[in-house]
PDB file of N, CA and C in Angstrom:
ATOM      1  N   MET A   1      36.993-122.900 248.381  1.00  0.00           N
ATOM      2  CA  MET A   1      37.696-121.694 249.633  1.00  0.00           C
ATOM      3  C   MET A   1      39.231-122.584 248.371  1.00  0.00           C
ATOM      4  N   PHE A   2      40.273-121.596 248.407  1.00  0.00           N
ATOM      5  CA  PHE A   2      41.329-121.993 247.904  1.00  0.00           C
ATOM      6  C   PHE A   2      42.331-121.515 249.145  1.00  0.00           C
ATOM      7  N   LEU A   3      44.018-121.873 249.601  1.00  0.00           N
ATOM      8  CA  LEU A   3      44.567-120.984 250.354  1.00  0.00           C
ATOM      9  C   LEU A   3      45.810-121.535 249.703  1.00  0.00           C
ATOM     10  N   ASN A   4      46.792-120.239 249.321  1.00  0.00           N
ATOM     11  CA  ASN A   4      47.920-120.448 249.124  1.00  0.00           C
ATOM     12  C   ASN A   4      48.895-119.500 250.028  1.00  0.00           C
ATOM     13  N   PHE A   5      49.743-119.670 249.506  1.00  0.00           N
ATOM     14  CA  PHE A   5      51.174-119.671 250.403  1.00  0.00           C
ATOM     15  C   PHE A   5      52.267-119.673 249.513  1.00  0.00           C
ATOM     16  N   LYS A   6      53.149-117.995 250.427  1.00  0.00           N
ATOM     17  CA  LYS A   6      54.771-118.040 249.100  1.00  0.00           C
ATOM     18  C   LYS A   6      56.029-117.901 250.048  1.00  0.00           C
ATOM     19  N   GLY A   7      56.630-118.280 250.657  1.00  0.00           N
ATOM     20  CA  GLY A   7      57.597-117.717 251.113  1.00  0.00           C
ATOM     21  C   GLY A   7      57.412-119.002 253.047  1.00  0.00           C
ATOM     22  N   ASP A   8      58.531-118.508 254.062  1.00  0.00           N
ATOM     23  CA  ASP A   8      58.945-119.452 254.971  1.00  0.00           C
ATOM     24  C   ASP A   8      57.683-119.487 255.221  1.00  0.00           C
ATOM     25  N   ASP A   9      57.253-117.886 255.401  1.00  0.00           N
ATOM     26  CA  ASP A   9      55.436-118.697 256.991  1.00  0.00           C
ATOM     27  C   ASP A   9      54.292-118.742 255.438  1.00  0.00           C
ATOM     28  N   VAL A  10      53.582-119.282 255.643  1.00  0.00           N
ATOM     29  CA  VAL A  10      53.111-119.275 254.368  1.00  0.00           C
ATOM     30  C   VAL A  10      51.706-118.587 255.140  1.00  0.00           C
ATOM     31  N   LYS A  11      51.281-118.038 253.782  1.00  0.00           N
ATOM     32  CA  LYS A  11      49.995-117.157 253.459  1.00  0.00           C
ATOM     33  C   LYS A  11      49.050-118.217 253.052  1.00  0.00           C
ATOM     34  N   LEU A  12      48.054-117.794 253.814  1.00  0.00           N
ATOM     35  CA  LEU A  12      46.749-118.580 253.045  1.00  0.00           C
ATOM     36  C   LEU A  12      45.053-117.833 253.042  1.00  0.00           C
ATOM     37  N   LEU A  13      44.773-117.813 251.285  1.00  0.00           N
ATOM     38  CA  LEU A  13      43.566-117.574 251.327  1.00  0.00           C
ATOM     39  C   LEU A  13      42.583-118.407 251.476  1.00  0.00           C
ATOM     40  N   ILE A  14      41.461-117.967 252.702  1.00  0.00           N
ATOM     41  CA  ILE A  14      40.409-119.682 252.860  1.00  0.00           C
ATOM     42  C   ILE A  14      39.148-118.621 252.818  1.00  0.00           C
ATOM     43  N   ASN A  15      38.556-118.620 251.546  1.00  0.00           N
ATOM     44  CA  ASN A  15      37.194-118.065 251.372  1.00  0.00           C
ATOM     45  C   ASN A  15      37.517-116.746 250.656  1.00  0.00           C
ATOM     46  N   GLY A  16      37.971-116.548 250.376  1.00  0.00           N
ATOM     47  CA  GLY A  16      38.923-114.866 249.909  1.00  0.00           C
ATOM     48  C   GLY A  16      39.773-114.387 250.938  1.00  0.00           C
ATOM     49  N   LYS A  17      39.703-114.511 251.931  1.00  0.00           N
ATOM     50  CA  LYS A  17      40.386-114.143 253.461  1.00  0.00           C
ATOM     51  C   LYS A  17      41.414-114.470 253.444  1.00  0.00           C
ATOM     52  N   GLU A  18      42.522-113.479 253.255  1.00  0.00           N
ATOM     53  CA  GLU A  18      44.239-114.156 253.575  1.00  0.00           C
ATOM     54  C   GLU A  18      44.565-114.663 255.065  1.00  0.00           C
ATOM     55  N   LYS A  19      45.082-115.290 255.389  1.00  0.00           N
ATOM     56  CA  LYS A  19      45.395-115.587 256.762  1.00  0.00           C
ATOM     57  C   LYS A  19      46.281-115.909 256.494  1.00  0.00           C
ATOM     58  N   THR A  20      47.556-115.981 257.720  1.00  0.00           N
ATOM     59  CA  THR A  20      49.002-115.923 257.642  1.00  0.00           C
ATOM     60  C   THR A  20      49.127-117.101 258.422  1.00  0.00           C
ATOM     61  N   VAL A  21      49.483-118.052 258.248  1.00  0.00           N
ATOM     62  CA  VAL A  21      49.930-119.430 259.462  1.00  0.00           C
ATOM     63  C   VAL A  21      51.197-120.114 258.914  1.00  0.00           C
ATOM     64  N   SER A  22      52.386-119.965 260.503  1.00  0.00           N
ATOM     65  CA  SER A  22      53.334-120.318 260.492  1.00  0.00           C
ATOM     66  C   SER A  22      53.401-122.345 261.043  1.00  0.00           C
ATOM     67  N   CYS A  23      54.324-122.561 259.900  1.00  0.00           N
ATOM     68  CA  CYS A  23      53.558-123.724 260.265  1.00  0.00           C
ATOM     69  C   CYS A  23      55.425-124.587 260.834  1.00  0.00           C
ATOM     70  N   SER A  24      55.622-125.328 261.559  1.00  0.00           N
ATOM     71  CA  SER A  24      56.801-125.510 262.432  1.00  0.00           C
ATOM     72  C   SER A  24      57.833-126.917 261.180  1.00  0.00           C
ATOM     73  N   GLY A  25      56.647-127.751 260.694  1.00  0.00           N
ATOM     74  CA  GLY A  25      57.112-128.896 259.520  1.00  0.00           C
ATOM     75  C   GLY A  25      57.830-128.484 258.352  1.00  0.00           C
ATOM     76  N   GLU A  26      58.589-129.059 257.786  1.00  0.00           N
ATOM     77  CA  GLU A  26      59.207-129.298 256.266  1.00  0.00           C
ATOM     78  C   GLU A  26      58.519-129.816 255.345  1.00  0.00           C
ATOM     79  N   SER A  27      57.604-130.630 255.045  1.00  0.00           N
ATOM     80  CA  SER A  27      57.438-130.910 254.208  1.00  0.00           C
ATOM     81  C   SER A  27      55.853-130.290 253.989  1.00  0.00           C
ATOM     82  N   LEU A  28      55.299-130.830 253.054  1.00  0.00           N
ATOM     83  CA  LEU A  28      54.233-130.315 252.616  1.00  0.00           C
ATOM     84  C   LEU A  28      52.725-131.285 253.253  1.00  0.00           C
ATOM     85  N   GLY A  29      53.242-132.246 254.011  1.00  0.00           N
ATOM     86  CA  GLY A  29      52.809-132.879 254.019  1.00  0.00           C
ATOM     87  C   GLY A  29      52.667-132.823 256.640  1.00  0.00           C
ATOM     88  N   ASP A  30      53.362-131.749 256.528  1.00  0.00           N
ATOM     89  CA  ASP A  30      53.575-131.419 257.578  1.00  0.00           C
ATOM     90  C   ASP A  30      52.166-130.432 257.584  1.00  0.00           C
ATOM     91  N   LEU A  31      52.479-129.642 256.410  1.00  0.00           N
ATOM     92  CA  LEU A  31      51.226-128.156 256.399  1.00  0.00           C
ATOM     93  C   LEU A  31      50.345-128.639 256.098  1.00  0.00           C
ATOM     94  N   LEU A  32      50.057-130.016 255.675  1.00  0.00           N
ATOM     95  CA  LEU A  32      48.452-130.520 255.325  1.00  0.00           C
ATOM     96  C   LEU A  32      48.135-130.890 256.613  1.00  0.00           C
ATOM     97  N   LEU A  33      48.956-131.514 257.928  1.00  0.00           N
ATOM     98  CA  LEU A  33      48.020-131.821 259.102  1.00  0.00           C
ATOM     99  C   LEU A  33      48.329-130.738 259.633  1.00  0.00           C
ATOM    100  N   HIS A  34      49.124-129.459 259.680  1.00  0.00           N
ATOM    101  CA  HIS A  34      48.809-128.271 260.920  1.00  0.00           C
ATOM    102  C   HIS A  34      47.742-127.841 260.608  1.00  0.00           C
ATOM    103  N   ILE A  35      47.419-127.081 258.722  1.00  0.00           N
ATOM    104  CA  ILE A  35      45.820-127.209 258.155  1.00  0.00           C
ATOM    105  C   ILE A  35      44.809-127.790 259.129  1.00  0.00           C
ATOM    106  N   GLU A  36      45.051-129.345 258.406  1.00  0.00           N
ATOM    107  CA  GLU A  36      43.746-130.227 258.906  1.00  0.00           C
ATOM    108  C   GLU A  36      42.954-130.319 260.441  1.00  0.00           C
ATOM    109  N   LYS A  37      44.536-130.068 261.065  1.00  0.00           N
ATOM    110  CA  LYS A  37      43.966-130.009 262.758  1.00  0.00           C
ATOM    111  C   LYS A  37      43.336-128.985 262.738  1.00  0.00           C
ATOM    112  N   ASN A  38      43.839-127.812 262.489  1.00  0.00           N
ATOM    113  CA  ASN A  38      43.859-126.240 263.168  1.00  0.00           C
ATOM    114  C   ASN A  38      43.119-125.241 261.710  1.00  0.00           C
ATOM    115  N   ASP A  39      42.643-125.476 261.205  1.00  0.00           N
ATOM    116  CA  ASP A  39      41.498-124.638 259.791  1.00  0.00           C
ATOM    117  C   ASP A  39      40.725-125.360 259.394  1.00  0.00           C
ATOM    118  N   LEU A  40      40.476-126.303 259.391  1.00  0.00           N
ATOM    119  CA  LEU A  40      39.784-127.216 259.170  1.00  0.00           C
ATOM    120  C   LEU A  40      38.334-126.447 259.575  1.00  0.00           C
ATOM    121  N   ALA A  41      36.763-126.420 258.594  1.00  0.00           N
ATOM    122  CA  ALA A  41      35.598-127.017 260.017  1.00  0.00           C
ATOM    123  C   ALA A  41      35.151-128.151 260.125  1.00  0.00           C
ATOM    124  N   GLN A  42      34.891-128.704 261.230  1.00  0.00           N
ATOM    125  CA  GLN A  42      33.802-129.817 261.539  1.00  0.00           C
ATOM    126  C   GLN A  42      33.120-130.334 260.078  1.00  0.00           C
ATOM    127  N   GLY A  43      33.768-131.320 259.642  1.00  0.00           N
ATOM    128  CA  GLY A  43      33.445-132.139 258.780  1.00  0.00           C
ATOM    129  C   GLY A  43      33.700-132.169 257.397  1.00  0.00           C
ATOM    130  N   SER A  44      35.090-131.041 257.075  1.00  0.00           N
ATOM    131  CA  SER A  44      35.313-130.461 256.038  1.00  0.00           C
ATOM    132  C   SER A  44      36.651-131.300 255.214  1.00  0.00           C
ATOM    133  N   VAL A  45      37.479-131.301 254.562  1.00  0.00           N
ATOM    134  CA  VAL A  45      38.431-132.676 254.256  1.00  0.00           C
ATOM    135  C   VAL A  45      39.113-131.699 252.643  1.00  0.00           C
ATOM    136  N   VAL A  46      40.819-131.982 253.178  1.00  0.00           N
ATOM    137  CA  VAL A  46      41.004-131.534 251.672  1.00  0.00           C
ATOM    138  C   VAL A  46      41.010-132.511 250.737  1.00  0.00           C
ATOM    139  N   ARG A  47      39.558-131.841 249.401  1.00  0.00           N
ATOM    140  CA  ARG A  47      39.913-132.231 248.042  1.00  0.00           C
ATOM    141  C   ARG A  47      40.630-132.308 247.487  1.00  0.00           C
ATOM    142  N   SER A  48      41.913-131.485 246.855  1.00  0.00           N
ATOM    143  CA  SER A  48      42.658-131.914 246.168  1.00  0.00           C
ATOM    144  C   SER A  48      43.615-130.715 246.155  1.00  0.00           C
ATOM    145  N   ILE A  49      44.760-130.476 246.135  1.00  0.00           N
ATOM    146  CA  ILE A  49      45.938-129.166 246.179  1.00  0.00           C
ATOM    147  C   ILE A  49      46.377-129.503 244.448  1.00  0.00           C
ATOM    148  N   HIS A  50      46.902-127.962 244.428  1.00  0.00           N
ATOM    149  CA  HIS A  50      47.756-127.676 243.487  1.00  0.00           C
ATOM    150  C   HIS A  50      48.900-126.990 244.011  1.00  0.00           C
ATOM    151  N   ILE A  51      50.255-128.021 243.047  1.00  0.00           N
ATOM    152  CA  ILE A  51      51.015-126.937 243.581  1.00  0.00           C
ATOM    153  C   ILE A  51      51.506-126.529 241.975  1.00  0.00           C
ATOM    154  N   ASP A  52      51.989-125.418 242.119  1.00  0.00           N
ATOM    155  CA  ASP A  52      52.788-124.609 241.324  1.00  0.00           C
ATOM    156  C   ASP A  52      51.889-125.132 239.438  1.00  0.00           C
ATOM    157  N   GLY A  53      50.522-125.024 240.030  1.00  0.00           N
ATOM    158  CA  GLY A  53      49.662-125.081 238.980  1.00  0.00           C
ATOM    159  C   GLY A  53      49.021-126.693 238.586  1.00  0.00           C
ATOM    160  N   GLN A  54      49.877-127.240 239.128  1.00  0.00           N
ATOM    161  CA  GLN A  54      49.848-128.959 238.697  1.00  0.00           C
ATOM    162  C   GLN A  54      48.893-129.699 240.107  1.00  0.00           C
ATOM    163  N   LYS A  55      47.636-129.961 239.317  1.00  0.00           N
ATOM    164  CA  LYS A  55      47.433-130.670 240.155  1.00  0.00           C
ATOM    165  C   LYS A  55      47.308-132.388 241.072  1.00  0.00           C
ATOM    166  N   PHE A  56      47.072-132.003 241.828  1.00  0.00           N
ATOM    167  CA  PHE A  56      47.963-133.921 243.296  1.00  0.00           C
ATOM    168  C   PHE A  56      47.015-133.935 244.385  1.00  0.00           C
ATOM    169  N   SER A  57      47.043-135.751 244.149  1.00  0.00           N
ATOM    170  CA  SER A  57      46.031-135.883 245.073  1.00  0.00           C
ATOM    171  C   SER A  57      46.332-135.583 246.576  1.00  0.00           C
ATOM    172  N   PRO A  58      45.638-135.496 247.699  1.00  0.00           N
ATOM    173  CA  PRO A  58      46.224-135.035 249.026  1.00  0.00           C
ATOM    174  C   PRO A  58      46.469-135.738 249.648  1.00  0.00           C
ATOM    175  N   ASP A  59      46.511-137.169 249.294  1.00  0.00           N
ATOM    176  CA  ASP A  59      46.908-138.925 249.857  1.00  0.00           C
ATOM    177  C   ASP A  59      48.045-139.306 249.800  1.00  0.00           C
ATOM    178  N   GLU A  60      48.571-138.852 248.306  1.00  0.00           N
ATOM    179  CA  GLU A  60      49.649-138.977 247.544  1.00  0.00           C
ATOM    180  C   GLU A  60      50.694-138.908 248.454  1.00  0.00           C
ATOM    181  N   SER A  61      51.245-140.199 249.262  1.00  0.00           N
ATOM    182  CA  SER A  61      52.326-140.089 249.941  1.00  0.00           C
ATOM    183  C   SER A  61      53.915-139.488 249.748  1.00  0.00           C
ATOM    184  N   ALA A  62      54.155-139.875 248.406  1.00  0.00           N
ATOM    185  CA  ALA A  62      55.156-138.798 247.648  1.00  0.00           C
ATOM    186  C   ALA A  62      55.383-137.190 247.782  1.00  0.00           C
ATOM    187  N   ILE A  63      54.018-136.931 247.414  1.00  0.00           N
ATOM    188  CA  ILE A  63      53.520-135.295 247.291  1.00  0.00           C
ATOM    189  C   ILE A  63      53.724-134.573 248.636  1.00  0.00           C
ATOM    190  N   ARG A  64      53.070-135.055 249.825  1.00  0.00           N
ATOM    191  CA  ARG A  64      52.821-135.575 251.157  1.00  0.00           C
ATOM    192  C   ARG A  64      54.613-135.125 251.655  1.00  0.00           C
ATOM    193  N   LYS A  65      55.718-135.876 250.873  1.00  0.00           N
ATOM    194  CA  LYS A  65      57.149-135.599 251.419  1.00  0.00           C
ATOM    195  C   LYS A  65      57.697-134.680 250.398  1.00  0.00           C
ATOM    196  N   LYS A  66      57.401-133.759 249.599  1.00  0.00           N
ATOM    197  CA  LYS A  66      57.712-132.600 248.742  1.00  0.00           C
ATOM    198  C   LYS A  66      58.724-131.027 249.760  1.00  0.00           C
ATOM    199  N   PRO A  67      59.459-130.465 249.632  1.00  0.00           N
ATOM    200  CA  PRO A  67      59.794-129.765 250.793  1.00  0.00           C
ATOM    201  C   PRO A  67      58.872-128.726 250.161  1.00  0.00           C
ATOM    202  N   LEU A  68      58.555-128.027 251.434  1.00  0.00           N
ATOM    203  CA  LEU A  68      58.374-126.480 251.508  1.00  0.00           C
ATOM    204  C   LEU A  68      58.713-125.818 250.089  1.00  0.00           C
ATOM    205  N   SER A  69      60.643-125.939 250.628  1.00  0.00           N
ATOM    206  CA  SER A  69      61.289-124.843 250.451  1.00  0.00           C
ATOM    207  C   SER A  69      61.003-124.847 248.817  1.00  0.00           C
ATOM    208  N   GLU A  70      60.638-126.141 248.196  1.00  0.00           N
ATOM    209  CA  GLU A  70      60.666-126.491 247.073  1.00  0.00           C
ATOM    210  C   GLU A  70      59.273-126.077 245.438  1.00  0.00           C
ATOM    211  N   ILE A  71      58.047-125.378 246.764  1.00  0.00           N
ATOM    212  CA  ILE A  71      57.223-125.222 246.477  1.00  0.00           C
ATOM    213  C   ILE A  71      56.803-123.296 246.822  1.00  0.00           C
ATOM    214  N   GLU A  72      56.290-123.008 245.375  1.00  0.00           N
ATOM    215  CA  GLU A  72      56.459-121.124 245.025  1.00  0.00           C
ATOM    216  C   GLU A  72      55.043-120.870 245.724  1.00  0.00           C
ATOM    217  N   ILE A  73      53.597-122.150 244.733  1.00  0.00           N
ATOM    218  CA  ILE A  73      52.264-121.350 244.872  1.00  0.00           C
ATOM    219  C   ILE A  73      51.498-123.156 245.322  1.00  0.00           C
ATOM    220  N   LEU A  74      50.888-122.765 246.602  1.00  0.00           N
ATOM    221  CA  LEU A  74      50.755-124.054 246.979  1.00  0.00           C
ATOM    222  C   LEU A  74      48.691-123.800 247.122  1.00  0.00           C
ATOM    223  N   GLU A  75      47.686-124.882 246.201  1.00  0.00           N
ATOM    224  CA  GLU A  75      46.334-124.019 246.656  1.00  0.00           C
ATOM    225  C   GLU A  75      45.487-125.738 246.862  1.00  0.00           C
ATOM    226  N   ILE A  76      45.074-125.424 247.824  1.00  0.00           N
ATOM    227  CA  ILE A  76      44.438-126.553 248.820  1.00  0.00           C
ATOM    228  C   ILE A  76      42.798-126.137 248.580  1.00  0.00           C
ATOM    229  N   GLU A  77      42.123-127.210 247.710  1.00  0.00           N
ATOM    230  CA  GLU A  77      41.257-127.378 247.675  1.00  0.00           C
ATOM    231  C   GLU A  77      40.441-127.889 248.729  1.00  0.00           C
ATOM    232  N   ILE A  78      39.459-126.936 249.256  1.00  0.00           N
ATOM    233  CA  ILE A  78      38.671-128.175 251.129  1.00  0.00           C
ATOM    234  C   ILE A  78      36.731-127.855 251.225  1.00  0.00           C
ATOM    235  N   SER A  79      36.948-129.082 250.585  1.00  0.00           N
ATOM    236  CA  SER A  79      35.029-129.460 250.882  1.00  0.00           C
ATOM    237  C   SER A  79      34.284-130.144 251.768  1.00  0.00           C
ATOM    238  N   THR A  80      33.176-129.880 252.010  1.00  0.00           N
ATOM    239  CA  THR A  80      32.637-131.048 252.324  1.00  0.00           C
ATOM    240  C   THR A  80      31.804-131.902 252.028  1.00  0.00           C
ATOM    241  N   LEU A  81      31.377-133.150 253.424  1.00  0.00           N
ATOM    242  CA  LEU A  81      31.573-134.119 252.271  1.00  0.00           C
ATOM    243  C   LEU A  81      29.857-134.128 251.764  1.00  0.00           C
ATOM    244  N   PRO A  82      28.818-133.479 252.207  1.00  0.00           N
ATOM    245  CA  PRO A  82      27.634-132.954 250.866  1.00  0.00           C
ATOM    246  C   PRO A  82      27.755-133.012 249.976  1.00  0.00           C
ATOM    247  N   ASP A  83      29.848-132.106 249.657  1.00  0.00           N
ATOM    248  CA  ASP A  83      29.625-131.579 248.434  1.00  0.00           C
ATOM    249  C   ASP A  83      30.583-132.063 247.061  1.00  0.00           C
ATOM    250  N   ILE A  84      31.201-133.153 248.182  1.00  0.00           N
ATOM    251  CA  ILE A  84      32.126-134.147 247.052  1.00  0.00           C
ATOM    252  C   ILE A  84      31.384-135.056 247.078  1.00  0.00           C
ATOM    253  N   ILE A  85      29.680-135.412 247.699  1.00  0.00           N
ATOM    254  CA  ILE A  85      28.947-136.219 247.136  1.00  0.00           C
ATOM    255  C   ILE A  85      28.111-135.580 246.035  1.00  0.00           C
ATOM    256  N   ASN A  86      27.841-134.308 246.439  1.00  0.00           N
ATOM    257  CA  ASN A  86      26.674-133.065 245.146  1.00  0.00           C
ATOM    258  C   ASN A  86      28.180-133.888 243.503  1.00  0.00           C
ATOM    259  N   LYS A  87      28.933-133.417 244.443  1.00  0.00           N
ATOM    260  CA  LYS A  87      29.960-133.651 242.664  1.00  0.00           C
ATOM    261  C   LYS A  87      30.160-134.509 241.674  1.00  0.00           C
ATOM    262  N   ASN A  88      30.471-135.944 243.139  1.00  0.00           N
ATOM    263  CA  ASN A  88      30.358-136.992 242.267  1.00  0.00           C
ATOM    264  C   ASN A  88      28.824-137.417 241.395  1.00  0.00           C
ATOM    265  N   ILE A  89      27.867-137.322 242.322  1.00  0.00           N
ATOM    266  CA  ILE A  89      26.521-137.208 241.283  1.00  0.00           C
ATOM    267  C   ILE A  89      26.566-136.436 240.634  1.00  0.00           C
ATOM    268  N   GLU A  90      27.394-135.365 239.916  1.00  0.00           N
ATOM    269  CA  GLU A  90      27.206-134.857 238.659  1.00  0.00           C
ATOM    270  C   GLU A  90      27.900-135.337 238.222  1.00  0.00           C
ATOM    271  N   ASN A  91      29.489-135.499 238.405  1.00  0.00           N
ATOM    272  CA  ASN A  91      30.082-136.340 237.361  1.00  0.00           C
ATOM    273  C   ASN A  91      29.326-137.359 236.665  1.00  0.00           C
ATOM    274  N   ALA A  92      28.428-138.125 237.293  1.00  0.00           N
ATOM    275  CA  ALA A  92      27.694-139.265 236.946  1.00  0.00           C
ATOM    276  C   ALA A  92      27.394-139.350 236.327  1.00  0.00           C
ATOM    277  N   ASP A  93      26.079-138.382 236.153  1.00  0.00           N
ATOM    278  CA  ASP A  93      25.121-138.129 235.172  1.00  0.00           C
ATOM    279  C   ASP A  93      25.698-137.362 234.047  1.00  0.00           C
ATOM    280  N   ALA A  94      26.960-136.412 234.058  1.00  0.00           N
ATOM    281  CA  ALA A  94      27.104-136.561 232.646  1.00  0.00           C
ATOM    282  C   ALA A  94      27.741-137.549 232.130  1.00  0.00           C
ATOM    283  N   TYR A  95      28.377-138.951 232.553  1.00  0.00           N
ATOM    284  CA  TYR A  95      29.318-139.760 232.435  1.00  0.00           C
ATOM    285  C   TYR A  95      28.109-140.497 232.011  1.00  0.00           C
ATOM    286  N   LEU A  96      26.726-140.626 232.406  1.00  0.00           N
ATOM    287  CA  LEU A  96      25.772-141.352 232.059  1.00  0.00           C
ATOM    288  C   LEU A  96      25.549-141.536 230.585  1.00  0.00           C
ATOM    289  N   ILE A  97      25.200-139.707 230.521  1.00  0.00           N
ATOM    290  CA  ILE A  97      24.522-139.567 228.987  1.00  0.00           C
ATOM    291  C   ILE A  97      25.834-139.369 228.480  1.00  0.00           C
ATOM    292  N   ARG A  98      26.727-139.666 228.385  1.00  0.00           N
ATOM    293  CA  ARG A  98      27.800-139.866 227.179  1.00  0.00           C
ATOM    294  C   ARG A  98      27.658-141.050 226.622  1.00  0.00           C
ATOM    295  N   LEU A  99      27.652-142.404 228.225  1.00  0.00           N
ATOM    296  CA  LEU A  99      27.267-143.310 227.305  1.00  0.00           C
ATOM    297  C   LEU A  99      26.375-144.075 226.468  1.00  0.00           C
ATOM    298  N   ILE A 100      24.806-143.031 226.915  1.00  0.00           N
ATOM    299  CA  ILE A 100      23.142-143.447 226.257  1.00  0.00           C
ATOM    300  C   ILE A 100      23.838-143.769 224.341  1.00  0.00           C
ATOM    301  N   PRO A 101      24.830-142.809 223.177  1.00  0.00           N
ATOM    302  CA  PRO A 101      25.527-143.114 221.948  1.00  0.00           C
ATOM    303  C   PRO A 101      25.826-144.179 221.941  1.00  0.00           C
ATOM    304  N   GLY A 102      26.780-144.967 222.472  1.00  0.00           N
ATOM    305  CA  GLY A 102      27.623-146.422 222.468  1.00  0.00           C
ATOM    306  C   GLY A 102      26.247-147.476 223.314  1.00  0.00           C
ATOM    307  N   ILE A 103      25.424-147.082 223.794  1.00  0.00           N
ATOM    308  CA  ILE A 103      24.660-148.668 223.908  1.00  0.00           C
ATOM    309  C   ILE A 103      23.732-148.935 223.174  1.00  0.00           C
ATOM    310  N   GLU A 104      23.133-147.294 222.695  1.00  0.00           N
ATOM    311  CA  GLU A 104      22.311-147.284 221.426  1.00  0.00           C
ATOM    312  C   GLU A 104      22.830-148.367 220.675  1.00  0.00           C
ATOM    313  N   LYS A 105      24.383-147.689 220.432  1.00  0.00           N
ATOM    314  CA  LYS A 105      24.872-148.378 218.677  1.00  0.00           C
ATOM    315  C   LYS A 105      25.101-150.389 219.306  1.00  0.00           C
ATOM    316  N   SER A 106      25.413-150.198 220.817  1.00  0.00           N
ATOM    317  CA  SER A 106      24.737-151.663 220.731  1.00  0.00           C
ATOM    318  C   SER A 106      24.201-152.766 220.770  1.00  0.00           C
ATOM    319  N   VAL A 107      23.194-152.025 220.965  1.00  0.00           N
ATOM    320  CA  VAL A 107      21.673-152.648 221.367  1.00  0.00           C
ATOM    321  C   VAL A 107      20.914-151.882 220.013  1.00  0.00           C
ATOM    322  N   GLU A 108      21.825-151.665 218.556  1.00  0.00           N
ATOM    323  CA  GLU A 108      21.925-151.892 217.684  1.00  0.00           C
ATOM    324  C   GLU A 108      21.889-153.261 216.688  1.00  0.00           C
ATOM    325  N   LEU A 109      23.700-152.993 216.619  1.00  0.00           N
ATOM    326  CA  LEU A 109      24.258-154.120 216.601  1.00  0.00           C
ATOM    327  C   LEU A 109      23.771-155.908 216.833  1.00  0.00           C
ATOM    328  N   PHE A 110      23.193-155.566 218.486  1.00  0.00           N
ATOM    329  CA  PHE A 110      22.462-157.102 218.946  1.00  0.00           C
ATOM    330  C   PHE A 110      21.237-157.474 218.091  1.00  0.00           C
ATOM    331  N   ARG A 111      20.667-156.635 218.279  1.00  0.00           N
ATOM    332  CA  ARG A 111      19.299-156.960 217.412  1.00  0.00           C
ATOM    333  C   ARG A 111      19.407-157.088 216.118  1.00  0.00           C
ATOM    334  N   MET A 112      21.086-156.448 215.063  1.00  0.00           N
ATOM    335  CA  MET A 112      20.856-156.841 213.941  1.00  0.00           C
ATOM    336  C   MET A 112      21.998-158.715 213.985  1.00  0.00           C
ATOM    337  N   GLY A 113      22.068-158.867 214.719  1.00  0.00           N
ATOM    338  CA  GLY A 113      22.192-160.051 215.119  1.00  0.00           C
ATOM    339  C   GLY A 113      24.282-160.449 215.158  1.00  0.00           C
ATOM    340  N   ASN A 114      25.085-159.091 214.922  1.00  0.00           N
ATOM    341  CA  ASN A 114      26.056-158.404 215.036  1.00  0.00           C
ATOM    342  C   ASN A 114      26.890-158.476 216.934  1.00  0.00           C
ATOM    343  N   GLU A 115      27.240-159.766 217.323  1.00  0.00           N
ATOM    344  CA  GLU A 115      27.228-159.379 218.954  1.00  0.00           C
ATOM    345  C   GLU A 115      28.657-159.595 218.202  1.00  0.00           C
ATOM    346  N   GLN A 116      29.265-159.749 217.957  1.00  0.00           N
ATOM    347  CA  GLN A 116      31.283-159.737 218.170  1.00  0.00           C
ATOM    348  C   GLN A 116      31.298-158.581 218.149  1.00  0.00           C
ATOM    349  N   GLU A 117      30.551-157.708 217.426  1.00  0.00           N
ATOM    350  CA  GLU A 117      30.796-155.948 217.090  1.00  0.00           C
ATOM    351  C   GLU A 117      30.414-155.573 218.078  1.00  0.00           C
ATOM    352  N   ALA A 118      29.390-155.572 219.202  1.00  0.00           N
ATOM    353  CA  ALA A 118      28.066-155.121 219.822  1.00  0.00           C
ATOM    354  C   ALA A 118      29.187-155.409 221.436  1.00  0.00           C
ATOM    355  N   ASN A 119      29.889-156.227 221.247  1.00  0.00           N
ATOM    356  CA  ASN A 119      30.662-156.947 222.557  1.00  0.00           C
ATOM    357  C   ASN A 119      31.981-156.000 222.812  1.00  0.00           C
ATOM    358  N   LYS A 120      31.903-154.926 221.861  1.00  0.00           N
ATOM    359  CA  LYS A 120      33.407-154.284 221.719  1.00  0.00           C
ATOM    360  C   LYS A 120      33.339-153.019 222.359  1.00  0.00           C
ATOM    361  N   PHE A 121      31.777-152.654 222.533  1.00  0.00           N
ATOM    362  CA  PHE A 121      31.343-151.253 223.248  1.00  0.00           C
ATOM    363  C   PHE A 121      31.657-151.908 224.699  1.00  0.00           C
ATOM    364  N   PHE A 122      31.558-152.727 224.906  1.00  0.00           N
ATOM    365  CA  PHE A 122      31.564-152.709 226.386  1.00  0.00           C
ATOM    366  C   PHE A 122      32.933-153.651 227.105  1.00  0.00           C
ATOM    367  N   ILE A 123      34.038-153.352 226.007  1.00  0.00           N
ATOM    368  CA  ILE A 123      35.262-153.692 226.146  1.00  0.00           C
ATOM    369  C   ILE A 123      36.198-152.548 226.269  1.00  0.00           C
ATOM    370  N   ASN A 124      35.957-151.856 225.395  1.00  0.00           N
ATOM    371  CA  ASN A 124      36.555-150.579 225.211  1.00  0.00           C
ATOM    372  C   ASN A 124      35.657-149.612 225.921  1.00  0.00           C
TER     373      ASN A 124
END
């Protein structure tokens, strides 16, 4: 689900459907609070935001203070907790698979008695 807006009145695309939201606040934080209170289904959370193509954490206090007047395009990714958990499991699986060659090399170095070189795989 992505939300987009441009201009004073906030135009949103929620699950591909356009929606207009008027937010009385002046900052991104005000808009996010409005969306969280009025537009999120129960159990959904703001997962990430993109401001003019750059990704930011929705919890970043400096970005929440950004005036809406300075933003041309805002995309907000909304997810449920189960979706976030599934994505993190997928990411962990991919990360662990990438670790296997280094672990195998480290094991071989330990077997050969080269502990100092083997430990470098765990330090870096």
